[in-house]
Protein backbone atom coordinates (compact mmCIF):
# COMPACT_ATOMS: atom_id res chain seq x y z
CA MET A 1 -44.59 -55.46 94.93
CA LYS A 2 -43.81 -51.82 94.53
CA LYS A 3 -42.20 -51.36 91.43
CA VAL A 4 -38.91 -48.67 91.29
CA ILE A 5 -36.80 -47.05 88.58
CA VAL A 6 -33.76 -45.60 89.54
CA PHE A 7 -31.70 -43.34 87.21
CA GLY A 8 -28.13 -43.19 87.65
CA GLY A 9 -24.18 -44.16 86.77
CA GLY A 10 -20.85 -44.86 88.32
CA THR A 11 -20.07 -45.65 92.05
CA GLY A 12 -23.21 -44.08 93.80
CA LEU A 13 -25.39 -45.68 91.87
CA SER A 14 -23.37 -49.15 92.49
CA CYS A 15 -23.70 -48.48 96.14
CA LEU A 16 -27.60 -47.48 96.30
CA LEU A 17 -28.33 -50.81 94.15
CA SER A 18 -26.33 -52.92 96.68
CA GLY A 19 -28.55 -52.16 99.08
CA MET A 20 -31.88 -52.13 96.96
CA LYS A 21 -31.30 -55.85 96.05
CA LEU A 22 -31.97 -56.72 99.46
CA PHE A 23 -35.31 -55.55 99.93
CA PRO A 24 -38.73 -56.91 98.43
CA VAL A 25 -39.06 -54.23 95.87
CA GLU A 26 -38.79 -54.70 91.80
CA VAL A 27 -35.99 -52.66 90.75
CA THR A 28 -35.14 -51.18 87.43
CA THR A 29 -31.97 -49.31 86.52
CA VAL A 30 -31.55 -47.37 83.57
CA ILE A 31 -27.66 -46.34 82.99
CA THR A 32 -26.08 -43.50 81.25
CA VAL A 33 -23.64 -44.75 78.11
CA SER A 34 -21.56 -41.99 77.50
CA ASP A 35 -18.61 -42.32 79.41
CA ASN A 36 -15.48 -42.22 77.64
CA GLY A 37 -12.56 -42.74 79.83
CA SER A 38 -10.33 -45.54 80.99
CA SER A 39 -10.91 -48.91 79.35
CA THR A 40 -14.44 -48.01 78.92
CA GLY A 41 -13.32 -45.29 76.55
CA VAL A 42 -11.18 -47.55 74.73
CA LEU A 43 -13.32 -50.33 73.84
CA LYS A 44 -15.98 -47.82 72.79
CA GLN A 45 -13.94 -46.23 70.17
CA GLU A 46 -12.06 -49.59 69.21
CA PHE A 47 -15.51 -51.40 69.01
CA ASP A 48 -17.67 -48.79 68.56
CA ILE A 49 -20.02 -49.74 70.85
CA PRO A 50 -21.96 -47.72 74.06
CA ALA A 51 -19.85 -47.09 76.60
CA VAL A 52 -20.06 -50.35 79.01
CA GLY A 53 -17.94 -49.62 82.43
CA ASP A 54 -20.94 -48.22 84.40
CA VAL A 55 -23.03 -51.49 83.29
CA GLY A 56 -20.93 -53.47 84.75
CA LYS A 57 -20.24 -52.07 87.75
CA VAL A 58 -23.99 -52.19 88.10
CA LEU A 59 -24.67 -55.57 87.34
CA LEU A 60 -21.87 -56.65 89.89
CA SER A 61 -23.12 -54.64 92.36
CA MET A 62 -26.61 -56.64 92.34
CA ALA A 63 -24.94 -60.08 91.62
CA ASN A 64 -26.36 -62.99 93.93
CA VAL A 65 -23.39 -65.36 93.22
CA ASP A 66 -20.24 -66.34 94.68
CA GLU A 67 -17.87 -63.73 95.84
CA ASP A 68 -14.72 -65.26 94.07
CA PHE A 69 -17.10 -65.09 90.69
CA VAL A 70 -17.92 -61.17 91.31
CA LYS A 71 -14.21 -60.80 92.24
CA LEU A 72 -13.10 -62.56 88.89
CA LEU A 73 -15.05 -60.16 86.73
CA ARG A 74 -13.96 -57.42 88.86
CA TYR A 75 -10.67 -58.18 88.27
CA ARG A 76 -8.42 -55.47 86.25
CA PHE A 77 -4.83 -56.39 84.41
CA HIS A 78 -1.87 -54.57 84.69
CA LYS A 79 0.33 -55.37 82.52
CA ALA A 80 2.57 -51.88 80.96
CA GLY A 81 2.36 -52.22 77.21
CA SER A 82 -0.16 -54.75 77.31
CA SER A 83 -3.27 -54.56 74.97
CA LEU A 84 -5.08 -55.81 77.91
CA ASP A 85 -3.62 -53.00 80.65
CA ASN A 86 -6.18 -51.63 82.77
CA HIS A 87 -9.18 -53.87 81.24
CA PRO A 88 -11.46 -55.16 83.97
CA VAL A 89 -12.82 -58.35 82.99
CA ARG A 90 -16.60 -57.32 83.19
CA ASN A 91 -16.00 -54.78 79.95
CA ILE A 92 -14.33 -57.38 78.09
CA LEU A 93 -16.99 -59.76 79.17
CA LEU A 94 -19.60 -57.30 78.01
CA THR A 95 -18.22 -56.16 74.54
CA ALA A 96 -17.89 -59.81 73.66
CA LEU A 97 -21.47 -60.48 74.62
CA ILE A 98 -22.43 -57.21 72.48
CA ASP A 99 -20.86 -59.17 69.49
CA LEU A 100 -22.49 -62.55 70.50
CA LYS A 101 -26.06 -61.30 71.16
CA GLY A 102 -26.09 -57.59 69.07
CA ASN A 103 -26.59 -54.86 71.62
CA LEU A 104 -25.71 -54.19 74.90
CA THR A 105 -29.48 -54.67 75.78
CA GLU A 106 -29.51 -58.64 75.48
CA ALA A 107 -25.94 -58.39 76.46
CA THR A 108 -26.80 -56.87 80.21
CA ARG A 109 -29.85 -59.38 80.00
CA TYR A 110 -28.04 -62.41 79.76
CA MET A 111 -25.16 -61.08 82.39
CA SER A 112 -28.31 -60.65 84.61
CA ARG A 113 -28.89 -63.81 84.20
CA LEU A 114 -25.29 -65.12 84.93
CA LEU A 115 -25.19 -63.24 88.04
CA GLN A 116 -28.80 -64.21 89.44
CA ILE A 117 -29.99 -60.80 89.35
CA LYS A 118 -33.08 -59.95 91.02
CA GLY A 119 -34.72 -57.21 88.96
CA GLU A 120 -33.65 -55.46 85.54
CA VAL A 121 -31.09 -53.58 84.13
CA LEU A 122 -31.26 -51.26 80.91
CA PRO A 123 -28.61 -49.11 78.80
CA LEU A 124 -30.42 -45.80 78.49
CA THR A 125 -29.52 -46.53 74.94
CA GLU A 126 -28.16 -48.58 72.43
CA GLU A 127 -25.80 -46.22 70.20
CA ARG A 128 -22.41 -44.76 70.94
CA VAL A 129 -23.11 -41.40 72.29
CA GLU A 130 -20.67 -38.76 73.57
CA LEU A 131 -21.91 -35.78 75.82
CA VAL A 132 -21.84 -32.41 74.73
CA GLY A 133 -21.24 -29.11 76.24
CA LYS A 134 -22.28 -25.99 74.49
CA ASP A 135 -21.91 -22.11 75.34
CA GLU A 136 -24.03 -19.64 75.51
CA MET A 137 -24.56 -19.14 71.78
CA GLY A 138 -25.10 -22.88 71.49
CA ASN A 139 -21.75 -23.46 70.06
CA PRO A 140 -20.46 -27.24 70.94
CA GLU A 141 -17.16 -26.33 72.95
CA TYR A 142 -16.89 -29.55 75.07
CA TYR A 143 -16.74 -33.05 73.77
CA GLY A 144 -16.84 -36.19 75.28
CA GLU A 145 -17.76 -36.99 79.18
CA GLU A 146 -13.89 -36.60 80.62
CA ASP A 147 -13.82 -32.90 78.88
CA VAL A 148 -17.15 -32.00 80.17
CA SER A 149 -16.98 -32.42 83.56
CA ARG A 150 -13.58 -30.82 83.98
CA ASN A 151 -15.63 -27.46 82.10
CA ILE A 152 -19.08 -27.81 83.82
CA ARG A 153 -18.46 -23.35 84.58
CA ARG A 154 -17.87 -22.95 81.23
CA ILE A 155 -20.86 -25.05 79.95
CA ALA A 156 -24.16 -23.00 79.25
CA SER A 157 -25.89 -26.48 78.25
CA LEU A 158 -25.62 -30.18 77.88
CA SER A 159 -26.69 -32.50 74.61
CA TYR A 160 -25.47 -35.46 73.11
CA ASP A 161 -23.29 -35.57 69.85
CA HIS A 162 -26.44 -36.78 68.12
CA ASP A 163 -30.26 -37.66 68.38
CA ILE A 164 -30.42 -41.06 70.06
CA HIS A 165 -33.36 -43.56 70.73
CA VAL A 166 -34.41 -44.63 74.13
CA GLY A 167 -36.10 -48.15 73.59
CA ASN A 168 -39.79 -48.98 74.42
CA ARG A 169 -38.40 -51.16 77.44
CA VAL A 170 -37.40 -48.48 79.51
CA ARG A 171 -40.43 -46.07 78.48
CA GLN A 172 -42.46 -48.54 79.60
CA LYS A 173 -40.68 -49.27 83.15
CA ILE A 174 -41.04 -45.16 83.37
CA ALA A 175 -44.94 -45.43 83.29
CA ASP A 176 -44.98 -48.69 85.42
CA ALA A 177 -43.16 -47.14 88.42
CA ASP A 178 -44.35 -47.04 91.99
CA LEU A 179 -41.17 -44.20 92.85
CA ILE A 180 -38.69 -42.51 90.47
CA ILE A 181 -35.00 -42.42 91.80
CA PHE A 182 -32.12 -40.44 90.65
CA SER A 183 -29.07 -41.99 92.06
CA PRO A 184 -26.16 -40.37 93.90
CA GLY A 185 -23.37 -39.81 91.58
CA SER A 186 -21.97 -37.14 89.57
CA LEU A 187 -25.17 -34.70 88.79
CA TYR A 188 -23.83 -33.34 85.55
CA THR A 189 -22.26 -36.71 83.92
CA SER A 190 -24.18 -39.45 85.39
CA ILE A 191 -27.62 -38.19 85.90
CA LEU A 192 -28.20 -35.22 83.74
CA PRO A 193 -27.33 -37.29 80.69
CA HIS A 194 -30.85 -39.26 81.25
CA LEU A 195 -32.56 -35.87 81.70
CA ILE A 196 -31.25 -34.40 78.49
CA VAL A 197 -33.20 -37.05 76.14
CA GLU A 198 -36.50 -35.65 75.53
CA ASP A 199 -38.18 -38.55 75.63
CA ILE A 200 -36.92 -39.53 79.26
CA VAL A 201 -38.52 -36.18 80.39
CA GLU A 202 -41.50 -36.91 78.59
CA GLU A 203 -42.33 -40.35 79.99
CA ILE A 204 -41.49 -38.64 83.78
CA ARG A 205 -43.85 -35.65 83.00
CA LYS A 206 -46.28 -38.54 82.04
CA SER A 207 -46.12 -40.67 85.38
CA PRO A 208 -47.57 -40.53 88.20
CA ALA A 209 -45.08 -41.79 90.10
CA PRO A 210 -43.24 -39.19 92.89
CA ILE A 211 -39.51 -38.17 92.17
CA MET A 212 -37.10 -39.00 94.85
CA TYR A 213 -33.52 -37.84 95.09
CA VAL A 214 -30.86 -39.76 97.28
CA SER A 215 -28.54 -36.60 97.53
CA ASN A 216 -24.67 -36.88 97.07
CA LEU A 217 -22.04 -36.67 100.44
CA VAL A 218 -19.65 -34.87 98.88
CA THR A 219 -19.24 -32.50 95.81
CA GLN A 220 -17.30 -33.45 92.87
CA PRO A 221 -14.44 -31.15 92.09
CA GLY A 222 -14.90 -29.24 88.63
CA GLU A 223 -18.83 -30.55 88.72
CA THR A 224 -20.38 -29.32 91.69
CA ASP A 225 -17.95 -26.82 93.93
CA GLY A 226 -19.42 -25.27 96.77
CA TYR A 227 -22.85 -26.62 96.32
CA ASN A 228 -25.21 -27.98 98.84
CA VAL A 229 -28.08 -30.41 98.64
CA SER A 230 -30.66 -27.72 97.57
CA ASP A 231 -28.18 -26.70 94.57
CA HIS A 232 -28.44 -30.45 92.92
CA LEU A 233 -31.81 -30.38 93.62
CA ALA A 234 -32.40 -26.69 91.24
CA VAL A 235 -30.44 -28.43 88.84
CA LEU A 236 -32.20 -31.32 88.46
CA ASN A 237 -35.98 -29.46 88.98
CA ARG A 238 -34.68 -27.18 86.06
CA TYR A 239 -34.00 -30.15 83.68
CA LEU A 240 -37.38 -32.03 84.16
CA LYS A 241 -39.26 -28.93 82.62
CA GLY A 242 -42.24 -29.02 84.48
CA ARG A 243 -42.14 -31.78 86.92
CA LYS A 244 -40.00 -31.20 90.11
CA VAL A 245 -38.30 -33.84 92.61
CA ASP A 246 -41.07 -34.54 95.36
CA ILE A 247 -38.81 -36.26 98.04
CA VAL A 248 -34.88 -35.60 99.13
CA LEU A 249 -33.42 -38.01 101.05
CA SER A 250 -30.07 -37.03 102.49
CA ASN A 251 -27.83 -37.77 105.13
CA ASN A 252 -28.01 -35.97 108.81
CA ALA A 253 -25.28 -37.32 110.51
CA GLN A 254 -21.82 -35.81 111.60
CA ILE A 255 -18.60 -36.96 109.57
CA ASP A 256 -15.86 -37.11 111.31
CA PRO A 257 -14.19 -33.07 110.31
CA GLU A 258 -10.85 -35.11 110.44
CA VAL A 259 -12.20 -37.33 107.34
CA ALA A 260 -13.56 -33.93 105.79
CA GLU A 261 -10.33 -32.36 106.37
CA LYS A 262 -8.53 -35.02 104.55
CA TYR A 263 -11.11 -34.85 101.90
CA LEU A 264 -10.44 -31.29 101.13
CA ARG A 265 -7.01 -31.36 101.65
CA THR A 266 -6.41 -34.54 99.19
CA GLU A 267 -9.51 -34.37 97.12
CA ASN A 268 -10.40 -30.90 97.25
CA LYS A 269 -13.82 -32.27 98.28
CA THR A 270 -16.67 -30.73 100.70
CA LEU A 271 -19.27 -32.40 102.52
CA VAL A 272 -22.74 -31.43 100.53
CA GLU A 273 -24.78 -29.42 103.21
CA LEU A 274 -28.01 -30.53 103.96
CA ASP A 275 -29.95 -26.78 103.64
CA ARG A 276 -33.40 -27.82 104.87
CA GLU A 277 -34.96 -24.42 104.26
CA LYS A 278 -33.52 -23.82 100.69
CA ILE A 279 -34.97 -27.66 99.98
CA ALA A 280 -38.31 -26.90 101.33
CA ALA A 281 -38.98 -23.41 99.64
CA GLN A 282 -38.44 -25.63 96.26
CA GLY A 283 -41.34 -27.89 97.47
CA ALA A 284 -39.37 -31.56 98.34
CA ARG A 285 -40.51 -33.46 101.08
CA ILE A 286 -36.92 -33.87 103.15
CA ILE A 287 -36.23 -37.68 104.48
CA GLU A 288 -33.23 -37.67 106.33
CA GLY A 289 -31.33 -39.69 108.47
CA ASP A 290 -27.61 -41.74 109.45
CA ILE A 291 -26.83 -42.68 105.75
CA PHE A 292 -22.94 -42.93 105.58
CA MET A 293 -20.27 -45.13 106.36
CA ILE A 294 -16.63 -44.86 106.15
CA ASP A 295 -15.09 -47.63 104.17
CA GLU A 296 -11.66 -49.28 104.42
CA SER A 297 -10.26 -47.18 102.47
CA GLY A 298 -10.84 -44.15 104.58
CA SER A 299 -13.94 -42.95 101.76
CA ILE A 300 -17.13 -41.64 102.57
CA ARG A 301 -19.59 -43.51 101.19
CA HIS A 302 -23.43 -43.97 101.30
CA ASP A 303 -24.59 -47.03 103.71
CA ALA A 304 -26.17 -49.08 101.15
CA LEU A 305 -28.69 -51.23 103.45
CA GLN A 306 -29.37 -47.66 105.73
CA THR A 307 -30.19 -45.57 102.44
CA SER A 308 -32.28 -48.24 101.16
CA PHE A 309 -34.36 -49.28 104.09
CA LEU A 310 -35.33 -45.71 103.90
CA ILE A 311 -36.37 -46.05 100.41
CA PHE A 312 -38.36 -48.86 101.48
CA SER A 313 -39.85 -47.54 104.63
CA TYR A 314 -41.20 -44.37 102.30
CA LEU A 315 -42.78 -47.16 100.14
CA MET A 316 -44.35 -48.56 102.75
CA GLU A 317 -46.04 -45.58 103.87
CA GLY A 318 -49.18 -46.37 101.62
């Protein structure tokens, strides 16, 4: 069975993994833990733990249990003035498990058994970390993922607030992989937080496995305004320091102009254009297809099944 390691965080990663679990592929997911917003930020601060939000989302996207159980874990309390207000059950459960099991990796392993997950979910680090944006002089100006996300145009480099330790399990999974994937998601706050860790970049440099980037469908205001696929690719290649992305998986289907206009008007997001010549100039092979869908809320999402099918098809090429 082919082995795939996926790096990412947030909704884009969860969507991709909900499709990957349907194929005969051994998937390991490494998740960034630097989020400091909403429920995750409160629990991170109060209990001095890594961010659990993206870990919880990914676990539920890969679950193979009764849908009512998944709905229970997704349930978010809404009671103004309550200490539980805005906390989803999954975050509270993971926080309790960290206390019981000793760390986030063991808490995640237990949750994976509970949810009958095929594959492995690993946090990037066991430590509580904060993303830091530095100016051109190397001075730390923006502290925390939310602040960094709002000020990308003013930031020259990213780092963490301290050097972090990456577990041997993550290193070994990179070494064993037949394919390394960077998932869709926030480029600067979900994907690059993996690539500012020298240990991760070094293991990827040593790996003979090809690297695939599953391109975003729309831009993220403040982070990637005006970016095409090639712009995302150029940033990844810069942070890979000696390696380059080998394959770009991108949508080539027409998205309804009315939907696109609504995104621009209500969220200031634009469609990410597949600029083939500029991608080819960076040495990447393009795999393209109709890989988007409009969900019940009217949002543009990756078609998890079709996207995963194209990844599986690539793996089966030989």
